């Protein structure tokens, strides 16, 4: 577990982004990258929903 997330879950989320990291090599940076991308997507979706 890294930052409260199972390594396998983080690895699968990275694979969705075409970033291949074996579960045993997942680091805190990988978890933070996923958080950053999710925040950007939420911000984009919010901006789109407000502009419609």
PDB file of N, CA and C in Angstrom:
ATOM      1  N   UNK A   1       0.842  -1.187   0.000  1.00  0.00           N
ATOM      2  CA  UNK A   1       0.000   0.000   0.000  1.00  0.00           C
ATOM      3  C   UNK A   1       0.885   1.247   0.000  1.00  0.00           C
ATOM      4  N   UNK A   2       0.547   2.153  -0.878  1.00  0.00           N
ATOM      5  CA  UNK A   2       1.258   3.431  -0.931  1.00  0.00           C
ATOM      6  C   UNK A   2       0.217   4.535  -0.855  1.00  0.00           C
ATOM      7  N   UNK A   3       0.361   5.414   0.114  1.00  0.00           N
ATOM      8  CA  UNK A   3      -0.582   6.513   0.340  1.00  0.00           C
ATOM      9  C   UNK A   3      -2.021   6.010   0.404  1.00  0.00           C
ATOM     10  N   UNK A   4      -2.214   4.819   0.961  1.00  0.00           N
ATOM     11  CA  UNK A   4      -3.552   4.269   1.137  1.00  0.00           C
ATOM     12  C   UNK A   4      -4.110   3.541  -0.073  1.00  0.00           C
ATOM     13  N   UNK A   5      -3.317   3.363  -1.119  1.00  0.00           N
ATOM     14  CA  UNK A   5      -3.778   2.676  -2.322  1.00  0.00           C
ATOM     15  C   UNK A   5      -2.998   1.384  -2.522  1.00  0.00           C
ATOM     16  N   UNK A   6      -3.689   0.292  -2.868  1.00  0.00           N
ATOM     17  CA  UNK A   6      -2.978  -0.954  -3.170  1.00  0.00           C
ATOM     18  C   UNK A   6      -2.127  -0.780  -4.433  1.00  0.00           C
ATOM     19  N   UNK A   7      -0.956  -1.373  -4.433  1.00  0.00           N
ATOM     20  CA  UNK A   7      -0.037  -1.235  -5.568  1.00  0.00           C
ATOM     21  C   UNK A   7      -0.664  -1.717  -6.879  1.00  0.00           C
ATOM     22  N   UNK A   8      -1.418  -2.832  -6.822  1.00  0.00           N
ATOM     23  CA  UNK A   8      -2.026  -3.362  -8.047  1.00  0.00           C
ATOM     24  C   UNK A   8      -3.018  -2.370  -8.648  1.00  0.00           C
ATOM     25  N   UNK A   9      -3.794  -1.723  -7.797  1.00  0.00           N
ATOM     26  CA  UNK A   9      -4.771  -0.746  -8.276  1.00  0.00           C
ATOM     27  C   UNK A   9      -4.070   0.423  -8.962  1.00  0.00           C
ATOM     28  N   UNK A  10      -2.995   0.899  -8.357  1.00  0.00           N
ATOM     29  CA  UNK A  10      -2.240   2.009  -8.944  1.00  0.00           C
ATOM     30  C   UNK A  10      -1.665   1.581 -10.287  1.00  0.00           C
ATOM     31  N   UNK A  11      -1.136   0.373 -10.352  1.00  0.00           N
ATOM     32  CA  UNK A  11      -0.569  -0.142 -11.595  1.00  0.00           C
ATOM     33  C   UNK A  11      -1.633  -0.204 -12.695  1.00  0.00           C
ATOM     34  N   UNK A  12      -2.845  -0.655 -12.353  1.00  0.00           N
ATOM     35  CA  UNK A  12      -3.930  -0.734 -13.340  1.00  0.00           C
ATOM     36  C   UNK A  12      -4.355   0.652 -13.816  1.00  0.00           C
ATOM     37  N   UNK A  13      -4.421   1.605 -12.903  1.00  0.00           N
ATOM     38  CA  UNK A  13      -4.784   2.977 -13.279  1.00  0.00           C
ATOM     39  C   UNK A  13      -3.738   3.565 -14.223  1.00  0.00           C
ATOM     40  N   UNK A  14      -2.470   3.279 -13.960  1.00  0.00           N
ATOM     41  CA  UNK A  14      -1.401   3.769 -14.833  1.00  0.00           C
ATOM     42  C   UNK A  14      -1.504   3.124 -16.212  1.00  0.00           C
ATOM     43  N   UNK A  15      -1.882   1.845 -16.267  1.00  0.00           N
ATOM     44  CA  UNK A  15      -2.029   1.164 -17.554  1.00  0.00           C
ATOM     45  C   UNK A  15      -3.109   1.824 -18.401  1.00  0.00           C
ATOM     46  N   UNK A  16      -4.163   2.320 -17.762  1.00  0.00           N
ATOM     47  CA  UNK A  16      -5.215   3.024 -18.499  1.00  0.00           C
ATOM     48  C   UNK A  16      -4.664   4.275 -19.178  1.00  0.00           C
ATOM     49  N   UNK A  17      -3.581   4.822 -18.614  1.00  0.00           N
ATOM     50  CA  UNK A  17      -2.946   6.019 -19.171  1.00  0.00           C
ATOM     51  C   UNK A  17      -1.776   5.659 -20.079  1.00  0.00           C
ATOM     52  N   UNK A  18      -1.673   4.367 -20.437  1.00  0.00           N
ATOM     53  CA  UNK A  18      -0.571   3.858 -21.258  1.00  0.00           C
ATOM     54  C   UNK A  18       0.789   4.042 -20.601  1.00  0.00           C
ATOM     55  N   UNK A  19       0.814   3.943 -19.278  1.00  0.00           N
ATOM     56  CA  UNK A  19       2.065   3.976 -18.522  1.00  0.00           C
ATOM     57  C   UNK A  19       2.169   2.622 -17.827  1.00  0.00           C
ATOM     58  N   UNK A  20       3.171   1.842 -18.198  1.00  0.00           N
ATOM     59  CA  UNK A  20       3.265   0.485 -17.677  1.00  0.00           C
ATOM     60  C   UNK A  20       4.320   0.392 -16.581  1.00  0.00           C
ATOM     61  N   UNK A  21       3.840   0.182 -15.351  1.00  0.00           N
ATOM     62  CA  UNK A  21       4.706   0.050 -14.183  1.00  0.00           C
ATOM     63  C   UNK A  21       4.259  -1.205 -13.432  1.00  0.00           C
ATOM     64  N   UNK A  22       5.158  -2.177 -13.259  1.00  0.00           N
ATOM     65  CA  UNK A  22       4.781  -3.363 -12.478  1.00  0.00           C
ATOM     66  C   UNK A  22       4.407  -2.963 -11.048  1.00  0.00           C
ATOM     67  N   UNK A  23       3.434  -3.663 -10.447  1.00  0.00           N
ATOM     68  CA  UNK A  23       2.968  -3.290  -9.104  1.00  0.00           C
ATOM     69  C   UNK A  23       4.082  -3.117  -8.076  1.00  0.00           C
ATOM     70  N   UNK A  24       5.116  -3.936  -8.145  1.00  0.00           N
ATOM     71  CA  UNK A  24       6.162  -3.827  -7.114  1.00  0.00           C
ATOM     72  C   UNK A  24       7.033  -2.590  -7.285  1.00  0.00           C
ATOM     73  N   UNK A  25       6.959  -1.934  -8.455  1.00  0.00           N
ATOM     74  CA  UNK A  25       7.763  -0.736  -8.699  1.00  0.00           C
ATOM     75  C   UNK A  25       6.963   0.560  -8.586  1.00  0.00           C
ATOM     76  N   UNK A  26       5.704   0.460  -8.174  1.00  0.00           N
ATOM     77  CA  UNK A  26       4.865   1.647  -8.005  1.00  0.00           C
ATOM     78  C   UNK A  26       5.418   2.491  -6.856  1.00  0.00           C
ATOM     79  N   UNK A  27       5.501   3.807  -7.083  1.00  0.00           N
ATOM     80  CA  UNK A  27       6.022   4.711  -6.052  1.00  0.00           C
ATOM     81  C   UNK A  27       4.972   5.766  -5.706  1.00  0.00           C
ATOM     82  N   UNK A  28       5.287   6.602  -4.728  1.00  0.00           N
ATOM     83  CA  UNK A  28       4.385   7.692  -4.353  1.00  0.00           C
ATOM     84  C   UNK A  28       4.179   8.648  -5.521  1.00  0.00           C
ATOM     85  N   UNK A  29       5.206   8.843  -6.335  1.00  0.00           N
ATOM     86  CA  UNK A  29       5.084   9.737  -7.493  1.00  0.00           C
ATOM     87  C   UNK A  29       3.989   9.257  -8.439  1.00  0.00           C
ATOM     88  N   UNK A  30       3.875   7.933  -8.604  1.00  0.00           N
ATOM     89  CA  UNK A  30       2.838   7.381  -9.475  1.00  0.00           C
ATOM     90  C   UNK A  30       1.447   7.690  -8.928  1.00  0.00           C
ATOM     91  N   UNK A  31       1.275   7.544  -7.628  1.00  0.00           N
ATOM     92  CA  UNK A  31      -0.017   7.839  -6.997  1.00  0.00           C
ATOM     93  C   UNK A  31      -0.345   9.323  -7.165  1.00  0.00           C
ATOM     94  N   UNK A  32       0.641  10.178  -6.948  1.00  0.00           N
ATOM     95  CA  UNK A  32       0.419  11.620  -7.077  1.00  0.00           C
ATOM     96  C   UNK A  32       0.114  12.005  -8.524  1.00  0.00           C
ATOM     97  N   UNK A  33       0.732  11.311  -9.483  1.00  0.00           N
ATOM     98  CA  UNK A  33       0.451  11.566 -10.897  1.00  0.00           C
ATOM     99  C   UNK A  33      -1.012  11.267 -11.205  1.00  0.00           C
ATOM    100  N   UNK A  34      -1.510  10.150 -10.697  1.00  0.00           N
ATOM    101  CA  UNK A  34      -2.916   9.790 -10.917  1.00  0.00           C
ATOM    102  C   UNK A  34      -3.833  10.840 -10.295  1.00  0.00           C
ATOM    103  N   UNK A  35      -3.511  11.293  -9.081  1.00  0.00           N
ATOM    104  CA  UNK A  35      -4.308  12.338  -8.430  1.00  0.00           C
ATOM    105  C   UNK A  35      -4.330  13.605  -9.275  1.00  0.00           C
ATOM    106  N   UNK A  36      -3.189  13.996  -9.793  1.00  0.00           N
ATOM    107  CA  UNK A  36      -3.084  15.215 -10.599  1.00  0.00           C
ATOM    108  C   UNK A  36      -3.938  15.104 -11.861  1.00  0.00           C
ATOM    109  N   UNK A  37      -3.857  13.968 -12.535  1.00  0.00           N
ATOM    110  CA  UNK A  37      -4.629  13.766 -13.765  1.00  0.00           C
ATOM    111  C   UNK A  37      -6.125  13.764 -13.460  1.00  0.00           C
ATOM    112  N   UNK A  38      -6.535  13.120 -12.364  1.00  0.00           N
ATOM    113  CA  UNK A  38      -7.958  13.108 -11.990  1.00  0.00           C
ATOM    114  C   UNK A  38      -8.457  14.515 -11.693  1.00  0.00           C
ATOM    115  N   UNK A  39      -7.656  15.309 -10.988  1.00  0.00           N
ATOM    116  CA  UNK A  39      -8.048  16.688 -10.689  1.00  0.00           C
ATOM    117  C   UNK A  39      -8.215  17.498 -11.969  1.00  0.00           C
ATOM    118  N   UNK A  40      -7.291  17.324 -12.920  1.00  0.00           N
ATOM    119  CA  UNK A  40      -7.386  18.047 -14.189  1.00  0.00           C
ATOM    120  C   UNK A  40      -8.653  17.659 -14.933  1.00  0.00           C
ATOM    121  N   UNK A  41      -8.967  16.367 -14.955  1.00  0.00           N
ATOM    122  CA  UNK A  41     -10.181  15.909 -15.639  1.00  0.00           C
ATOM    123  C   UNK A  41     -11.428  16.485 -14.978  1.00  0.00           C
ATOM    124  N   UNK A  42     -11.456  16.472 -13.648  1.00  0.00           N
ATOM    125  CA  UNK A  42     -12.606  17.034 -12.939  1.00  0.00           C
ATOM    126  C   UNK A  42     -12.770  18.516 -13.252  1.00  0.00           C
ATOM    127  N   UNK A  43     -11.652  19.239 -13.263  1.00  0.00           N
ATOM    128  CA  UNK A  43     -11.684  20.671 -13.563  1.00  0.00           C
ATOM    129  C   UNK A  43     -12.202  20.913 -14.984  1.00  0.00           C
ATOM    130  N   UNK A  44     -11.705  20.107 -15.946  1.00  0.00           N
ATOM    131  CA  UNK A  44     -12.151  20.241 -17.334  1.00  0.00           C
ATOM    132  C   UNK A  44     -13.639  19.945 -17.460  1.00  0.00           C
ATOM    133  N   UNK A  45     -14.092  18.872 -16.812  1.00  0.00           N
ATOM    134  CA  UNK A  45     -15.511  18.508 -16.880  1.00  0.00           C
ATOM    135  C   UNK A  45     -16.386  19.583 -16.251  1.00  0.00           C
ATOM    136  N   UNK A  46     -15.928  20.156 -15.156  1.00  0.00           N
ATOM    137  CA  UNK A  46     -16.680  21.221 -14.500  1.00  0.00           C
ATOM    138  C   UNK A  46     -16.765  22.449 -15.404  1.00  0.00           C
ATOM    139  N   UNK A  47     -15.663  22.797 -16.039  1.00  0.00           N
ATOM    140  CA  UNK A  47     -15.651  23.947 -16.944  1.00  0.00           C
ATOM    141  C   UNK A  47     -16.590  23.708 -18.125  1.00  0.00           C
ATOM    142  N   UNK A  48     -16.594  22.487 -18.657  1.00  0.00           N
ATOM    143  CA  UNK A  48     -17.483  22.163 -19.779  1.00  0.00           C
ATOM    144  C   UNK A  48     -18.942  22.251 -19.356  1.00  0.00           C
ATOM    145  N   UNK A  49     -19.247  21.727 -18.184  1.00  0.00           N
ATOM    146  CA  UNK A  49     -20.643  21.721 -17.740  1.00  0.00           C
ATOM    147  C   UNK A  49     -21.144  23.136 -17.461  1.00  0.00           C
ATOM    148  N   UNK A  50     -20.270  24.020 -17.047  1.00  0.00           N
ATOM    149  CA  UNK A  50     -20.677  25.401 -16.783  1.00  0.00           C
ATOM    150  C   UNK A  50     -20.835  26.201 -18.068  1.00  0.00           C
ATOM    151  N   UNK A  51     -20.073  25.850 -19.092  1.00  0.00           N
ATOM    152  CA  UNK A  51     -20.122  26.619 -20.335  1.00  0.00           C
ATOM    153  C   UNK A  51     -21.308  26.224 -21.207  1.00  0.00           C
ATOM    154  N   UNK A  52     -21.938  25.097 -20.928  1.00  0.00           N
ATOM    155  CA  UNK A  52     -23.062  24.631 -21.759  1.00  0.00           C
ATOM    156  C   UNK A  52     -24.339  25.300 -21.388  1.00  0.00           C
TER     157      UNK A  52
END
